[in-house]
Amino acid sequence: MELLDRLLSLMPVTGRLDVRCHFGSPWRIDHPESSEWEFPYHVLLRGEAVVESEAEGKTEPALRMKAGDIVLFPSGSAHRLHDGSGTPPRPARTQLKDGLTVVTNGRSRDGADVLCGRFVLPAVPQQLLRDHLPGRLLVSSVSEGDTQARDAAFAATRLARVIQLMREEAFEQRPGSATVVNQLSGALFALTLRCASDTDQAPRGLLALAQRQRLQPALAAMFDEPAKPWTLPQLAELCHMSRATFARHFEEAISRSASDVLTEIRMALAGRKLAQTTMSVAEIGEAVGYQSEAAFQRVFKRQVGMTPAKWRARSSKTGNPEEEPA
């Protein structure tokens, strides 16, 4: 299994399609900040769009979308999509059709069709996923022929098929369409990450780390045997690298050390066990590499922002424990 397979097995992401927008120009979509358990996404089915957002209070460069593109926001930041005309948008009306919300502004000429949804994350500490993905990610499902590598072209083709099927289900509104589209959204997340990681311009973080085939034996060992007291030389040896070369590959890809990534894997595994099993805190700590319960409690609180007991209590009540100040 590759890195993305392991991540998605540990953190099975589901999807929800919230709105289908059918607009004529001028139009605009304003999306508020999302909860920490959701990644909002938008699929542009027809037309063109401009994406604007902010990160840490600063306006980011605008992105331009074309038909077949998907943009997602792992940061959950507030953002907006519009037609780029600078003209105030036409008033829109909302209606519910067979479980799907449809928004129109009474025109279709020179406009756009957009699917707006969210990827829903499980009750697992999110640092491993959220902190190592870009705040926003734009991916195209349209292959650019010979200008892309073969793997990237295949990934784009598969992504395009899922988007086309989502489009057909959303537009035809047949019985069960809302459920089908939601199920396809989970596949959309995996294919979007795969497509992004297959390009030569994969952002730093998990997508860049997934490209480093020489590091996969070490990453597999971290997931398979989290309880083992791994050392940097041992992990480097699995990859047939010197310690210095191994450390450099991690730093270049993710700007973190292998030990940092191992800790985050352990905390994600521990959080899932706390949410889904009745194992004691000490047993879970030992299962992820901590012989001392106190040491496990200390690291978990530092990484996640709450004690293991509080995490378990909240996940049992809500399924999505919210972080509290220490």
C-alpha atoms as a PDB file:
ATOM      1  CA  MET A   1       0.000   0.000   0.000  1.00  0.00           C
ATOM      2  CA  GLU A   2       1.212   3.476  -0.819  1.00  0.00           C
ATOM      3  CA  LEU A   3       1.126   6.451   1.528  1.00  0.00           C
ATOM      4  CA  LEU A   4      -2.247   7.744   0.328  1.00  0.00           C
ATOM      5  CA  ASP A   5      -3.788   4.281   0.679  1.00  0.00           C
ATOM      6  CA  ARG A   6      -2.578   4.048   4.249  1.00  0.00           C
ATOM      7  CA  LEU A   7      -3.764   7.526   5.140  1.00  0.00           C
ATOM      8  CA  LEU A   8      -7.220   6.961   3.708  1.00  0.00           C
ATOM      9  CA  SER A   9      -7.475   3.586   5.434  1.00  0.00           C
ATOM     10  CA  LEU A  10      -6.627   5.253   8.742  1.00  0.00           C
ATOM     11  CA  MET A  11      -8.807   8.301   8.024  1.00  0.00           C
ATOM     12  CA  PRO A  12     -11.705   7.197   5.793  1.00  0.00           C
ATOM     13  CA  VAL A  13     -13.063  10.452   4.392  1.00  0.00           C
ATOM     14  CA  THR A  14     -16.697  10.662   3.326  1.00  0.00           C
ATOM     15  CA  GLY A  15     -18.320  13.317   1.179  1.00  0.00           C
ATOM     16  CA  ARG A  16     -21.465  15.386   1.023  1.00  0.00           C
ATOM     17  CA  LEU A  17     -22.787  17.340  -1.924  1.00  0.00           C
ATOM     18  CA  ASP A  18     -24.567  20.386  -0.506  1.00  0.00           C
ATOM     19  CA  VAL A  19     -25.533  22.552  -3.473  1.00  0.00           C
ATOM     20  CA  ARG A  20     -25.709  22.490  -7.267  1.00  0.00           C
ATOM     21  CA  CYS A  21     -25.393  26.006  -8.658  1.00  0.00           C
ATOM     22  CA  HIS A  22     -26.683  26.861 -12.124  1.00  0.00           C
ATOM     23  CA  PHE A  23     -25.774  30.445 -12.882  1.00  0.00           C
ATOM     24  CA  GLY A  24     -25.735  32.975 -15.658  1.00  0.00           C
ATOM     25  CA  SER A  25     -23.318  35.887 -15.438  1.00  0.00           C
ATOM     26  CA  PRO A  26     -22.821  37.789 -13.262  1.00  0.00           C
ATOM     27  CA  TRP A  27     -22.726  35.362 -10.344  1.00  0.00           C
ATOM     28  CA  ARG A  28     -20.937  34.836  -7.024  1.00  0.00           C
ATOM     29  CA  ILE A  29     -20.688  32.154  -4.337  1.00  0.00           C
ATOM     30  CA  ASP A  30     -19.619  33.136  -0.805  1.00  0.00           C
ATOM     31  CA  HIS A  31     -18.547  30.237   1.410  1.00  0.00           C
ATOM     32  CA  PRO A  32     -18.027  30.768   5.160  1.00  0.00           C
ATOM     33  CA  GLU A  33     -15.234  29.274   7.231  1.00  0.00           C
ATOM     34  CA  SER A  34     -15.723  25.548   7.782  1.00  0.00           C
ATOM     35  CA  SER A  35     -15.406  23.465  10.909  1.00  0.00           C
ATOM     36  CA  GLU A  36     -12.147  21.659  11.574  1.00  0.00           C
ATOM     37  CA  TRP A  37     -13.778  18.383  10.525  1.00  0.00           C
ATOM     38  CA  GLU A  38     -14.630  19.458   6.983  1.00  0.00           C
ATOM     39  CA  PHE A  39     -12.810  20.302   3.757  1.00  0.00           C
ATOM     40  CA  PRO A  40     -15.145  22.274   1.463  1.00  0.00           C
ATOM     41  CA  TYR A  41     -14.832  21.620  -2.279  1.00  0.00           C
ATOM     42  CA  HIS A  42     -16.207  22.999  -5.537  1.00  0.00           C
ATOM     43  CA  VAL A  43     -16.314  21.241  -8.907  1.00  0.00           C
ATOM     44  CA  LEU A  44     -16.708  23.491 -11.955  1.00  0.00           C
ATOM     45  CA  LEU A  45     -18.761  21.617 -14.541  1.00  0.00           C
ATOM     46  CA  ARG A  46     -19.272  24.421 -17.042  1.00  0.00           C
ATOM     47  CA  GLY A  47     -17.812  27.850 -17.675  1.00  0.00           C
ATOM     48  CA  GLU A  48     -14.965  29.607 -15.884  1.00  0.00           C
ATOM     49  CA  ALA A  49     -14.529  30.906 -12.350  1.00  0.00           C
ATOM     50  CA  VAL A  50     -12.232  33.000 -10.207  1.00  0.00           C
ATOM     51  CA  VAL A  51     -11.407  31.745  -6.687  1.00  0.00           C
ATOM     52  CA  GLU A  52     -10.451  34.183  -3.943  1.00  0.00           C
ATOM     53  CA  SER A  53      -9.516  33.361  -0.355  1.00  0.00           C
ATOM     54  CA  GLU A  54      -7.444  34.485   2.601  1.00  0.00           C
ATOM     55  CA  ALA A  55      -4.847  32.691   4.680  1.00  0.00           C
ATOM     56  CA  GLU A  56      -3.871  33.919   8.126  1.00  0.00           C
ATOM     57  CA  GLY A  57      -5.565  37.234   7.434  1.00  0.00           C
ATOM     58  CA  LYS A  58      -3.758  37.812   4.142  1.00  0.00           C
ATOM     59  CA  THR A  59      -5.379  37.729   0.707  1.00  0.00           C
ATOM     60  CA  GLU A  60      -4.019  34.905  -1.455  1.00  0.00           C
ATOM     61  CA  PRO A  61      -3.467  35.229  -5.211  1.00  0.00           C
ATOM     62  CA  ALA A  62      -6.662  34.557  -7.155  1.00  0.00           C
ATOM     63  CA  LEU A  63      -7.018  31.181  -8.858  1.00  0.00           C
ATOM     64  CA  ARG A  64      -8.721  30.682 -12.208  1.00  0.00           C
ATOM     65  CA  MET A  65     -10.817  27.574 -12.778  1.00  0.00           C
ATOM     66  CA  LYS A  66     -11.953  26.044 -16.034  1.00  0.00           C
ATOM     67  CA  ALA A  67     -14.529  23.349 -16.668  1.00  0.00           C
ATOM     68  CA  GLY A  68     -13.350  20.050 -15.165  1.00  0.00           C
ATOM     69  CA  ASP A  69     -11.390  21.656 -12.306  1.00  0.00           C
ATOM     70  CA  ILE A  70     -11.903  20.990  -8.617  1.00  0.00           C
ATOM     71  CA  VAL A  71     -10.740  23.233  -5.799  1.00  0.00           C
ATOM     72  CA  LEU A  72     -10.689  22.119  -2.162  1.00  0.00           C
ATOM     73  CA  PHE A  73      -9.789  23.918   1.031  1.00  0.00           C
ATOM     74  CA  PRO A  74      -8.050  21.709   3.630  1.00  0.00           C
ATOM     75  CA  SER A  75      -7.637  24.858   5.742  1.00  0.00           C
ATOM     76  CA  GLY A  76     -11.401  25.307   5.849  1.00  0.00           C
ATOM     77  CA  SER A  77     -10.896  29.033   5.236  1.00  0.00           C
ATOM     78  CA  ALA A  78     -13.682  31.312   4.016  1.00  0.00           C
ATOM     79  CA  HIS A  79     -13.583  31.846   0.258  1.00  0.00           C
ATOM     80  CA  ARG A  80     -15.591  32.947  -2.749  1.00  0.00           C
ATOM     81  CA  LEU A  81     -16.068  31.977  -6.376  1.00  0.00           C
ATOM     82  CA  HIS A  82     -17.321  34.396  -9.008  1.00  0.00           C
ATOM     83  CA  ASP A  83     -17.409  35.036 -12.747  1.00  0.00           C
ATOM     84  CA  GLY A  84     -14.643  37.651 -12.650  1.00  0.00           C
ATOM     85  CA  SER A  85     -16.723  40.415 -14.219  1.00  0.00           C
ATOM     86  CA  GLY A  86     -16.639  42.718 -11.219  1.00  0.00           C
ATOM     87  CA  THR A  87     -20.386  43.270 -11.647  1.00  0.00           C
ATOM     88  CA  PRO A  88     -22.707  42.729  -8.678  1.00  0.00           C
ATOM     89  CA  PRO A  89     -24.203  39.241  -8.931  1.00  0.00           C
ATOM     90  CA  ARG A  90     -27.789  38.656  -9.987  1.00  0.00           C
ATOM     91  CA  PRO A  91     -30.162  37.645  -7.160  1.00  0.00           C
ATOM     92  CA  ALA A  92     -30.310  33.893  -6.732  1.00  0.00           C
ATOM     93  CA  ARG A  93     -33.090  31.622  -5.538  1.00  0.00           C
ATOM     94  CA  THR A  94     -32.813  28.311  -3.752  1.00  0.00           C
ATOM     95  CA  GLN A  95     -35.010  25.251  -4.116  1.00  0.00           C
ATOM     96  CA  LEU A  96     -34.871  21.678  -2.894  1.00  0.00           C
ATOM     97  CA  LYS A  97     -35.147  18.955  -5.522  1.00  0.00           C
ATOM     98  CA  ASP A  98     -35.197  15.319  -4.406  1.00  0.00           C
ATOM     99  CA  GLY A  99     -32.871  15.962  -1.486  1.00  0.00           C
ATOM    100  CA  LEU A 100     -30.443  18.215  -3.378  1.00  0.00           C
ATOM    101  CA  THR A 101     -30.329  21.985  -2.965  1.00  0.00           C
ATOM    102  CA  VAL A 102     -30.282  23.786  -6.314  1.00  0.00           C
ATOM    103  CA  VAL A 103     -29.400  27.473  -6.600  1.00  0.00           C
ATOM    104  CA  THR A 104     -30.138  29.435  -9.777  1.00  0.00           C
ATOM    105  CA  ASN A 105     -30.170  33.098 -10.740  1.00  0.00           C
ATOM    106  CA  GLY A 106     -32.647  32.843 -13.589  1.00  0.00           C
ATOM    107  CA  ARG A 107     -30.085  32.855 -16.387  1.00  0.00           C
ATOM    108  CA  SER A 108     -27.802  30.313 -18.009  1.00  0.00           C
ATOM    109  CA  ARG A 109     -26.063  32.298 -20.730  1.00  0.00           C
ATOM    110  CA  ASP A 110     -22.319  32.864 -20.284  1.00  0.00           C
ATOM    111  CA  GLY A 111     -22.548  31.292 -16.863  1.00  0.00           C
ATOM    112  CA  ALA A 112     -21.345  28.328 -14.893  1.00  0.00           C
ATOM    113  CA  ASP A 113     -22.491  25.109 -13.273  1.00  0.00           C
ATOM    114  CA  VAL A 114     -20.837  24.344  -9.948  1.00  0.00           C
ATOM    115  CA  LEU A 115     -21.137  21.458  -7.507  1.00  0.00           C
ATOM    116  CA  CYS A 116     -20.418  22.610  -3.945  1.00  0.00           C
ATOM    117  CA  GLY A 117     -19.813  20.082  -1.183  1.00  0.00           C
ATOM    118  CA  ARG A 118     -17.589  19.064   1.680  1.00  0.00           C
ATOM    119  CA  PHE A 119     -15.342  16.193   2.573  1.00  0.00           C
ATOM    120  CA  VAL A 120     -16.116  15.024   6.112  1.00  0.00           C
ATOM    121  CA  LEU A 121     -13.215  13.812   8.232  1.00  0.00           C
ATOM    122  CA  PRO A 122     -13.516  11.041  10.826  1.00  0.00           C
ATOM    123  CA  ALA A 123     -12.962  11.410  14.573  1.00  0.00           C
ATOM    124  CA  VAL A 124      -9.198  11.094  14.296  1.00  0.00           C
ATOM    125  CA  PRO A 125      -6.591  13.739  15.240  1.00  0.00           C
ATOM    126  CA  GLN A 126      -6.227  15.737  12.040  1.00  0.00           C
ATOM    127  CA  GLN A 127      -2.655  17.038  12.219  1.00  0.00           C
ATOM    128  CA  LEU A 128      -1.342  14.313   9.936  1.00  0.00           C
ATOM    129  CA  LEU A 129      -3.817  15.228   7.204  1.00  0.00           C
ATOM    130  CA  ARG A 130      -4.733  18.890   7.655  1.00  0.00           C
ATOM    131  CA  ASP A 131      -1.339  20.284   8.669  1.00  0.00           C
ATOM    132  CA  HIS A 132       0.490  18.720   5.729  1.00  0.00           C
ATOM    133  CA  LEU A 133      -1.852  19.664   2.901  1.00  0.00           C
ATOM    134  CA  PRO A 134      -1.890  23.104   1.275  1.00  0.00           C
ATOM    135  CA  GLY A 135      -4.530  25.516   2.515  1.00  0.00           C
ATOM    136  CA  ARG A 136      -6.212  25.292  -0.885  1.00  0.00           C
ATOM    137  CA  LEU A 137      -5.645  22.901  -3.746  1.00  0.00           C
ATOM    138  CA  LEU A 138      -6.703  23.292  -7.379  1.00  0.00           C
ATOM    139  CA  VAL A 139      -6.658  20.145  -9.520  1.00  0.00           C
ATOM    140  CA  SER A 140      -7.721  19.683 -13.120  1.00  0.00           C
ATOM    141  CA  SER A 141      -9.437  16.553 -14.400  1.00  0.00           C
ATOM    142  CA  VAL A 142      -8.562  17.540 -17.966  1.00  0.00           C
ATOM    143  CA  SER A 143      -5.431  15.825 -19.233  1.00  0.00           C
ATOM    144  CA  GLU A 144      -3.018  18.045 -21.128  1.00  0.00           C
ATOM    145  CA  GLY A 145      -1.731  15.288 -23.370  1.00  0.00           C
ATOM    146  CA  ASP A 146       1.991  14.997 -23.918  1.00  0.00           C
ATOM    147  CA  THR A 147       2.805  17.844 -21.531  1.00  0.00           C
ATOM    148  CA  GLN A 148       2.029  15.601 -18.554  1.00  0.00           C
ATOM    149  CA  ALA A 149       3.512  12.356 -17.382  1.00  0.00           C
ATOM    150  CA  ARG A 150       1.573   9.200 -18.176  1.00  0.00           C
ATOM    151  CA  ASP A 151       0.581   8.557 -14.546  1.00  0.00           C
ATOM    152  CA  ALA A 152      -0.748  12.098 -14.174  1.00  0.00           C
ATOM    153  CA  ALA A 153      -2.797  11.718 -17.368  1.00  0.00           C
ATOM    154  CA  PHE A 154      -4.320   8.451 -16.118  1.00  0.00           C
ATOM    155  CA  ALA A 155      -5.159  10.044 -12.752  1.00  0.00           C
ATOM    156  CA  ALA A 156      -6.830  12.994 -14.488  1.00  0.00           C
ATOM    157  CA  THR A 157      -8.868  10.657 -16.688  1.00  0.00           C
ATOM    158  CA  ARG A 158     -10.206   8.717 -13.705  1.00  0.00           C
ATOM    159  CA  LEU A 159     -10.997  11.927 -11.864  1.00  0.00           C
ATOM    160  CA  ALA A 160     -12.868  13.173 -14.929  1.00  0.00           C
ATOM    161  CA  ARG A 161     -14.995  10.013 -14.970  1.00  0.00           C
ATOM    162  CA  VAL A 162     -16.072  10.461 -11.366  1.00  0.00           C
ATOM    163  CA  ILE A 163     -16.868  14.126 -11.940  1.00  0.00           C
ATOM    164  CA  GLN A 164     -18.895  13.263 -15.039  1.00  0.00           C
ATOM    165  CA  LEU A 165     -20.876  10.642 -13.117  1.00  0.00           C
ATOM    166  CA  MET A 166     -21.509  13.130 -10.313  1.00  0.00           C
ATOM    167  CA  ARG A 167     -22.680  15.638 -12.903  1.00  0.00           C
ATOM    168  CA  GLU A 168     -25.097  13.173 -14.470  1.00  0.00           C
ATOM    169  CA  GLU A 169     -26.560  12.154 -11.112  1.00  0.00           C
ATOM    170  CA  ALA A 170     -26.852  15.766  -9.912  1.00  0.00           C
ATOM    171  CA  PHE A 171     -28.529  16.964 -13.107  1.00  0.00           C
ATOM    172  CA  GLU A 172     -30.804  14.015 -13.829  1.00  0.00           C
ATOM    173  CA  GLN A 173     -32.148  13.874 -10.244  1.00  0.00           C
ATOM    174  CA  ARG A 174     -33.186  10.236 -10.409  1.00  0.00           C
ATOM    175  CA  PRO A 175     -34.256   8.321  -7.279  1.00  0.00           C
ATOM    176  CA  GLY A 176     -31.291   7.959  -4.942  1.00  0.00           C
ATOM    177  CA  SER A 177     -29.193  10.547  -6.782  1.00  0.00           C
ATOM    178  CA  ALA A 178     -28.288  12.452  -3.610  1.00  0.00           C
ATOM    179  CA  THR A 179     -26.985   9.261  -1.966  1.00  0.00           C
ATOM    180  CA  VAL A 180     -25.031   8.263  -5.074  1.00  0.00           C
ATOM    181  CA  VAL A 181     -23.400  11.687  -5.340  1.00  0.00           C
ATOM    182  CA  ASN A 182     -22.439  11.659  -1.657  1.00  0.00           C
ATOM    183  CA  GLN A 183     -20.825   8.247  -2.030  1.00  0.00           C
ATOM    184  CA  LEU A 184     -18.943   9.419  -5.112  1.00  0.00           C
ATOM    185  CA  SER A 185     -17.653  12.399  -3.125  1.00  0.00           C
ATOM    186  CA  GLY A 186     -15.537  10.071  -0.987  1.00  0.00           C
ATOM    187  CA  ALA A 187     -13.914   8.660  -4.116  1.00  0.00           C
ATOM    188  CA  LEU A 188     -13.512  12.210  -5.414  1.00  0.00           C
ATOM    189  CA  PHE A 189     -11.322  13.081  -2.420  1.00  0.00           C
ATOM    190  CA  ALA A 190      -8.964  10.154  -2.949  1.00  0.00           C
ATOM    191  CA  LEU A 191      -8.696  10.754  -6.679  1.00  0.00           C
ATOM    192  CA  THR A 192      -8.093  14.478  -6.201  1.00  0.00           C
ATOM    193  CA  LEU A 193      -5.178  13.804  -3.860  1.00  0.00           C
ATOM    194  CA  ARG A 194      -3.797  11.144  -6.205  1.00  0.00           C
ATOM    195  CA  CYS A 195      -4.058  13.463  -9.187  1.00  0.00           C
ATOM    196  CA  ALA A 196      -2.310  16.273  -7.294  1.00  0.00           C
ATOM    197  CA  SER A 197       0.477  13.997  -6.064  1.00  0.00           C
ATOM    198  CA  ASP A 198       1.103  12.612  -9.559  1.00  0.00           C
ATOM    199  CA  THR A 199       2.055  15.983 -11.022  1.00  0.00           C
ATOM    200  CA  ASP A 200       5.543  17.426 -11.130  1.00  0.00           C
ATOM    201  CA  GLN A 201       4.252  20.437  -9.192  1.00  0.00           C
ATOM    202  CA  ALA A 202       2.975  18.545  -6.131  1.00  0.00           C
ATOM    203  CA  PRO A 203       2.907  20.947  -3.163  1.00  0.00           C
ATOM    204  CA  ARG A 204       5.238  20.379  -0.249  1.00  0.00           C
ATOM    205  CA  GLY A 205       3.710  18.168   2.406  1.00  0.00           C
ATOM    206  CA  LEU A 206       1.973  14.813   2.152  1.00  0.00           C
ATOM    207  CA  LEU A 207       1.493  15.096  -1.607  1.00  0.00           C
ATOM    208  CA  ALA A 208       5.209  15.629  -2.137  1.00  0.00           C
ATOM    209  CA  LEU A 209       6.029  12.895   0.381  1.00  0.00           C
ATOM    210  CA  ALA A 210       3.810  10.478  -1.547  1.00  0.00           C
ATOM    211  CA  GLN A 211       6.023  11.022  -4.609  1.00  0.00           C
ATOM    212  CA  ARG A 212       9.164   9.916  -2.807  1.00  0.00           C
ATOM    213  CA  GLN A 213       9.135   6.243  -3.662  1.00  0.00           C
ATOM    214  CA  ARG A 214      12.438   5.637  -1.861  1.00  0.00           C
ATOM    215  CA  LEU A 215      10.813   6.690   1.444  1.00  0.00           C
ATOM    216  CA  GLN A 216       7.841   4.343   1.193  1.00  0.00           C
ATOM    217  CA  PRO A 217       9.469   1.424   3.104  1.00  0.00           C
ATOM    218  CA  ALA A 218      10.032   3.663   6.131  1.00  0.00           C
ATOM    219  CA  LEU A 219       6.532   5.108   5.972  1.00  0.00           C
ATOM    220  CA  ALA A 220       5.033   1.624   5.646  1.00  0.00           C
ATOM    221  CA  ALA A 221       6.988   0.503   8.723  1.00  0.00           C
ATOM    222  CA  MET A 222       5.669   3.464  10.745  1.00  0.00           C
ATOM    223  CA  PHE A 223       2.076   2.526   9.912  1.00  0.00           C
ATOM    224  CA  ASP A 224       2.543  -1.246  10.271  1.00  0.00           C
ATOM    225  CA  GLU A 225       4.589  -1.275  13.484  1.00  0.00           C
ATOM    226  CA  PRO A 226       3.919   1.980  15.363  1.00  0.00           C
ATOM    227  CA  ALA A 227       4.791   0.328  18.686  1.00  0.00           C
ATOM    228  CA  LYS A 228       8.359  -0.403  17.608  1.00  0.00           C
ATOM    229  CA  PRO A 229      10.949   2.041  19.041  1.00  0.00           C
ATOM    230  CA  TRP A 230      12.113   3.210  15.629  1.00  0.00           C
ATOM    231  CA  THR A 231      15.355   5.130  15.358  1.00  0.00           C
ATOM    232  CA  LEU A 232      16.434   7.334  12.479  1.00  0.00           C
ATOM    233  CA  PRO A 233      19.238   4.924  11.444  1.00  0.00           C
ATOM    234  CA  GLN A 234      16.789   2.004  11.393  1.00  0.00           C
ATOM    235  CA  LEU A 235      14.297   3.865   9.202  1.00  0.00           C
ATOM    236  CA  ALA A 236      17.070   5.067   6.895  1.00  0.00           C
ATOM    237  CA  GLU A 237      18.369   1.505   6.550  1.00  0.00           C
ATOM    238  CA  LEU A 238      14.908   0.312   5.421  1.00  0.00           C
ATOM    239  CA  CYS A 239      15.190   2.789   2.547  1.00  0.00           C
ATOM    240  CA  HIS A 240      18.824   1.883   1.782  1.00  0.00           C
ATOM    241  CA  MET A 241      19.932   5.439   2.538  1.00  0.00           C
ATOM    242  CA  SER A 242      22.399   7.085   4.799  1.00  0.00           C
ATOM    243  CA  ARG A 243      20.949   8.836   7.822  1.00  0.00           C
ATOM    244  CA  ALA A 244      21.759  12.255   6.353  1.00  0.00           C
ATOM    245  CA  THR A 245      20.199  11.483   2.952  1.00  0.00           C
ATOM    246  CA  PHE A 246      17.088  10.057   4.582  1.00  0.00           C
ATOM    247  CA  ALA A 247      16.658  13.143   6.781  1.00  0.00           C
ATOM    248  CA  ARG A 248      17.191  15.440   3.793  1.00  0.00           C
ATOM    249  CA  HIS A 249      14.438  13.712   1.778  1.00  0.00           C
ATOM    250  CA  PHE A 250      11.937  14.224   4.606  1.00  0.00           C
ATOM    251  CA  GLU A 251      12.918  17.849   5.071  1.00  0.00           C
ATOM    252  CA  GLU A 252      12.644  18.598   1.349  1.00  0.00           C
ATOM    253  CA  ALA A 253       9.242  16.977   1.010  1.00  0.00           C
ATOM    254  CA  ILE A 254       7.446  17.885   4.202  1.00  0.00           C
ATOM    255  CA  SER A 255       9.680  20.260   6.199  1.00  0.00           C
ATOM    256  CA  ARG A 256       9.442  17.884   9.134  1.00  0.00           C
ATOM    257  CA  SER A 257      11.586  15.118  10.544  1.00  0.00           C
ATOM    258  CA  ALA A 258      10.739  11.440  10.279  1.00  0.00           C
ATOM    259  CA  SER A 259      10.287  11.314  14.069  1.00  0.00           C
ATOM    260  CA  ASP A 260       7.715  14.129  13.862  1.00  0.00           C
ATOM    261  CA  VAL A 261       5.755  12.211  11.215  1.00  0.00           C
ATOM    262  CA  LEU A 262       5.990   9.010  13.283  1.00  0.00           C
ATOM    263  CA  THR A 263       4.537  10.836  16.293  1.00  0.00           C
ATOM    264  CA  GLU A 264       1.630  12.141  14.217  1.00  0.00           C
ATOM    265  CA  ILE A 265       0.930   8.654  12.849  1.00  0.00           C
ATOM    266  CA  ARG A 266       0.944   7.283  16.387  1.00  0.00           C
ATOM    267  CA  MET A 267      -1.455   9.979  17.623  1.00  0.00           C
ATOM    268  CA  ALA A 268      -3.828   9.399  14.685  1.00  0.00           C
ATOM    269  CA  LEU A 269      -3.858   5.668  15.405  1.00  0.00           C
ATOM    270  CA  ALA A 270      -4.342   6.315  19.125  1.00  0.00           C
ATOM    271  CA  GLY A 271      -7.190   8.747  18.492  1.00  0.00           C
ATOM    272  CA  ARG A 272      -8.991   6.208  16.359  1.00  0.00           C
ATOM    273  CA  LYS A 273      -8.587   3.499  19.001  1.00  0.00           C
ATOM    274  CA  LEU A 274      -9.860   5.879  21.689  1.00  0.00           C
ATOM    275  CA  ALA A 275     -12.932   6.671  19.590  1.00  0.00           C
ATOM    276  CA  GLN A 276     -13.692   3.139  18.413  1.00  0.00           C
ATOM    277  CA  THR A 277     -12.549   0.698  21.119  1.00  0.00           C
ATOM    278  CA  THR A 278     -12.837   0.125  24.872  1.00  0.00           C
ATOM    279  CA  MET A 279      -9.093  -0.402  25.320  1.00  0.00           C
ATOM    280  CA  SER A 280      -7.617   1.389  28.315  1.00  0.00           C
ATOM    281  CA  VAL A 281      -5.522   4.505  27.790  1.00  0.00           C
ATOM    282  CA  ALA A 282      -2.440   2.591  28.932  1.00  0.00           C
ATOM    283  CA  GLU A 283      -3.120  -0.236  26.468  1.00  0.00           C
ATOM    284  CA  ILE A 284      -3.575   2.203  23.610  1.00  0.00           C
ATOM    285  CA  GLY A 285      -0.401   4.053  24.553  1.00  0.00           C
ATOM    286  CA  GLU A 286       1.545   0.800  24.540  1.00  0.00           C
ATOM    287  CA  ALA A 287       0.011  -0.182  21.174  1.00  0.00           C
ATOM    288  CA  VAL A 288       1.435   2.968  19.593  1.00  0.00           C
ATOM    289  CA  GLY A 289       4.875   2.841  21.157  1.00  0.00           C
ATOM    290  CA  TYR A 290       4.695   4.282  24.695  1.00  0.00           C
ATOM    291  CA  GLN A 291       5.606   2.011  27.559  1.00  0.00           C
ATOM    292  CA  SER A 292       4.728   4.742  30.037  1.00  0.00           C
ATOM    293  CA  GLU A 293       1.107   5.880  30.240  1.00  0.00           C
ATOM    294  CA  ALA A 294       2.272   9.252  31.547  1.00  0.00           C
ATOM    295  CA  ALA A 295       4.502   9.753  28.524  1.00  0.00           C
ATOM    296  CA  PHE A 296       1.654   8.862  26.160  1.00  0.00           C
ATOM    297  CA  GLN A 297      -0.736  11.212  27.970  1.00  0.00           C
ATOM    298  CA  ARG A 298       1.815  14.025  27.743  1.00  0.00           C
ATOM    299  CA  VAL A 299       2.489  13.606  24.018  1.00  0.00           C
ATOM    300  CA  PHE A 300      -1.188  13.144  23.136  1.00  0.00           C
ATOM    301  CA  LYS A 301      -2.211  16.328  24.949  1.00  0.00           C
ATOM    302  CA  ARG A 302       0.625  18.289  23.363  1.00  0.00           C
ATOM    303  CA  GLN A 303      -0.255  17.077  19.858  1.00  0.00           C
ATOM    304  CA  VAL A 304      -4.051  17.020  20.032  1.00  0.00           C
ATOM    305  CA  GLY A 305      -4.816  19.717  22.591  1.00  0.00           C
ATOM    306  CA  MET A 306      -6.673  17.561  25.128  1.00  0.00           C
ATOM    307  CA  THR A 307      -6.150  14.457  27.223  1.00  0.00           C
ATOM    308  CA  PRO A 308      -6.922  10.997  25.812  1.00  0.00           C
ATOM    309  CA  ALA A 309      -9.838  10.669  28.263  1.00  0.00           C
ATOM    310  CA  LYS A 310     -11.404  13.934  27.097  1.00  0.00           C
ATOM    311  CA  TRP A 311     -10.908  12.954  23.453  1.00  0.00           C
ATOM    312  CA  ARG A 312     -12.674   9.638  24.086  1.00  0.00           C
ATOM    313  CA  ALA A 313     -15.552  11.278  25.930  1.00  0.00           C
ATOM    314  CA  ARG A 314     -16.164  13.840  23.203  1.00  0.00           C
ATOM    315  CA  SER A 315     -15.880  11.369  20.355  1.00  0.00           C
ATOM    316  CA  SER A 316     -18.429   9.091  22.038  1.00  0.00           C
ATOM    317  CA  LYS A 317     -20.896  11.982  22.329  1.00  0.00           C
ATOM    318  CA  THR A 318     -20.472  13.734  19.008  1.00  0.00           C
ATOM    319  CA  GLY A 319     -18.295  11.585  16.756  1.00  0.00           C
ATOM    320  CA  ASN A 320     -16.244  14.744  16.079  1.00  0.00           C
ATOM    321  CA  PRO A 321     -14.513  15.905  19.267  1.00  0.00           C
ATOM    322  CA  GLU A 322     -13.673  19.583  19.187  1.00  0.00           C
ATOM    323  CA  GLU A 323     -10.365  20.811  20.415  1.00  0.00           C
ATOM    324  CA  GLU A 324     -10.243  22.744  23.671  1.00  0.00           C
ATOM    325  CA  PRO A 325      -7.432  24.896  24.988  1.00  0.00           C
ATOM    326  CA  ALA A 326      -5.007  23.037  27.181  1.00  0.00           C
END
